[in-house]
């Protein structure tokens, strides 16, 4: 799946959000919520985590840090 900054995505599971890509709790994002993708860092064939910077429906900006691939996000359009 090709990710695009500035697009809306639906979360396939709930997760914590971090203020930075490595620490400091910022809030949480619920499963099924729609987020705006602001930035991302994908790691291929590495022990490091994938990182997704998002803006939630609640107005929280934070990083999702996960060892799961971009499949955690589903493309979302306003017409759905």
C-alpha atoms as a PDB file:
ATOM      1  CA  UNK A   1       0.000   0.000   0.000  1.00  0.00           C
ATOM      2  CA  UNK A   2       1.316   3.433  -0.926  1.00  0.00           C
ATOM      3  CA  UNK A   3       0.918   5.933   1.898  1.00  0.00           C
ATOM      4  CA  UNK A   4       0.340   9.600   1.104  1.00  0.00           C
ATOM      5  CA  UNK A   5       0.891  12.527   3.455  1.00  0.00           C
ATOM      6  CA  UNK A   6      -2.195  14.727   3.692  1.00  0.00           C
ATOM      7  CA  UNK A   7      -4.642  11.856   3.133  1.00  0.00           C
ATOM      8  CA  UNK A   8      -7.206  10.445   5.542  1.00  0.00           C
ATOM      9  CA  UNK A   9      -6.781   6.916   6.900  1.00  0.00           C
ATOM     10  CA  UNK A  10      -8.917   4.747   9.152  1.00  0.00           C
ATOM     11  CA  UNK A  11      -7.139   2.927  11.980  1.00  0.00           C
ATOM     12  CA  UNK A  12      -7.600  -0.829  11.982  1.00  0.00           C
ATOM     13  CA  UNK A  13      -6.862  -1.008  15.717  1.00  0.00           C
ATOM     14  CA  UNK A  14      -6.658   1.321  18.715  1.00  0.00           C
ATOM     15  CA  UNK A  15      -3.260   2.623  19.763  1.00  0.00           C
ATOM     16  CA  UNK A  16      -1.400   5.098  21.963  1.00  0.00           C
ATOM     17  CA  UNK A  17      -0.014   8.310  20.492  1.00  0.00           C
ATOM     18  CA  UNK A  18       3.380   9.713  21.465  1.00  0.00           C
ATOM     19  CA  UNK A  19       4.453  13.387  21.404  1.00  0.00           C
ATOM     20  CA  UNK A  20       7.715  12.455  19.718  1.00  0.00           C
ATOM     21  CA  UNK A  21       8.644   9.429  17.652  1.00  0.00           C
ATOM     22  CA  UNK A  22      10.160   7.814  20.727  1.00  0.00           C
ATOM     23  CA  UNK A  23       8.502   8.914  23.955  1.00  0.00           C
ATOM     24  CA  UNK A  24       6.103  11.084  25.950  1.00  0.00           C
ATOM     25  CA  UNK A  25       2.443  10.063  25.893  1.00  0.00           C
ATOM     26  CA  UNK A  26       0.180  12.418  23.897  1.00  0.00           C
ATOM     27  CA  UNK A  27      -3.142  10.532  23.930  1.00  0.00           C
ATOM     28  CA  UNK A  28      -4.807   7.659  22.149  1.00  0.00           C
ATOM     29  CA  UNK A  29      -6.529   6.893  18.872  1.00  0.00           C
ATOM     30  CA  UNK A  30      -9.489   4.509  18.832  1.00  0.00           C
ATOM     31  CA  UNK A  31      -9.981   1.612  16.456  1.00  0.00           C
ATOM     32  CA  UNK A  32     -12.014   2.760  13.450  1.00  0.00           C
ATOM     33  CA  UNK A  33     -11.208   6.444  13.939  1.00  0.00           C
ATOM     34  CA  UNK A  34     -10.100   8.509  10.967  1.00  0.00           C
ATOM     35  CA  UNK A  35      -6.725  10.257  11.109  1.00  0.00           C
ATOM     36  CA  UNK A  36      -4.879  12.666   8.825  1.00  0.00           C
ATOM     37  CA  UNK A  37      -1.404  11.387   7.957  1.00  0.00           C
ATOM     38  CA  UNK A  38       1.195  14.120   8.556  1.00  0.00           C
ATOM     39  CA  UNK A  39       4.452  12.158   8.236  1.00  0.00           C
ATOM     40  CA  UNK A  40       5.753   8.599   8.340  1.00  0.00           C
ATOM     41  CA  UNK A  41       8.970   6.624   8.593  1.00  0.00           C
ATOM     42  CA  UNK A  42       8.864   3.041   7.364  1.00  0.00           C
ATOM     43  CA  UNK A  43      11.587   0.535   8.199  1.00  0.00           C
ATOM     44  CA  UNK A  44      12.058  -2.427   5.886  1.00  0.00           C
ATOM     45  CA  UNK A  45      13.874  -5.573   6.985  1.00  0.00           C
ATOM     46  CA  UNK A  46      14.867  -3.992  10.262  1.00  0.00           C
ATOM     47  CA  UNK A  47      14.249  -4.475  13.971  1.00  0.00           C
ATOM     48  CA  UNK A  48      13.189  -0.828  14.230  1.00  0.00           C
ATOM     49  CA  UNK A  49       9.568   0.241  14.410  1.00  0.00           C
ATOM     50  CA  UNK A  50       7.413   1.944  11.773  1.00  0.00           C
ATOM     51  CA  UNK A  51       6.322   5.457  12.771  1.00  0.00           C
ATOM     52  CA  UNK A  52       3.239   7.387  11.640  1.00  0.00           C
ATOM     53  CA  UNK A  53       2.590  11.034  12.621  1.00  0.00           C
ATOM     54  CA  UNK A  54      -1.148  11.716  12.609  1.00  0.00           C
ATOM     55  CA  UNK A  55      -3.786  14.279  13.506  1.00  0.00           C
ATOM     56  CA  UNK A  56      -6.763  12.596  15.201  1.00  0.00           C
ATOM     57  CA  UNK A  57     -10.444  13.492  15.049  1.00  0.00           C
ATOM     58  CA  UNK A  58      -9.994  14.910  18.583  1.00  0.00           C
ATOM     59  CA  UNK A  59      -7.316  17.359  17.390  1.00  0.00           C
ATOM     60  CA  UNK A  60      -4.374  15.471  18.911  1.00  0.00           C
ATOM     61  CA  UNK A  61      -1.137  15.356  16.948  1.00  0.00           C
ATOM     62  CA  UNK A  62       1.032  12.393  17.802  1.00  0.00           C
ATOM     63  CA  UNK A  63       3.159   9.525  16.573  1.00  0.00           C
ATOM     64  CA  UNK A  64       1.952   5.945  16.276  1.00  0.00           C
ATOM     65  CA  UNK A  65       4.998   3.751  16.820  1.00  0.00           C
ATOM     66  CA  UNK A  66       4.462   0.116  15.891  1.00  0.00           C
ATOM     67  CA  UNK A  67       6.205  -2.969  14.630  1.00  0.00           C
ATOM     68  CA  UNK A  68       3.197  -3.591  12.379  1.00  0.00           C
ATOM     69  CA  UNK A  69       3.347  -2.429   8.766  1.00  0.00           C
ATOM     70  CA  UNK A  70       1.275   0.258   7.071  1.00  0.00           C
ATOM     71  CA  UNK A  71      -1.515  -2.312   6.822  1.00  0.00           C
ATOM     72  CA  UNK A  72      -2.752  -0.890  10.125  1.00  0.00           C
ATOM     73  CA  UNK A  73      -4.120   2.010   8.075  1.00  0.00           C
ATOM     74  CA  UNK A  74      -6.954   1.810   5.564  1.00  0.00           C
ATOM     75  CA  UNK A  75      -7.429   4.477   2.881  1.00  0.00           C
ATOM     76  CA  UNK A  76     -10.434   6.637   3.704  1.00  0.00           C
ATOM     77  CA  UNK A  77     -12.304   9.154   1.610  1.00  0.00           C
ATOM     78  CA  UNK A  78     -14.930  11.663   2.669  1.00  0.00           C
ATOM     79  CA  UNK A  79     -17.460   9.981   0.360  1.00  0.00           C
ATOM     80  CA  UNK A  80     -17.404   6.650   2.202  1.00  0.00           C
END
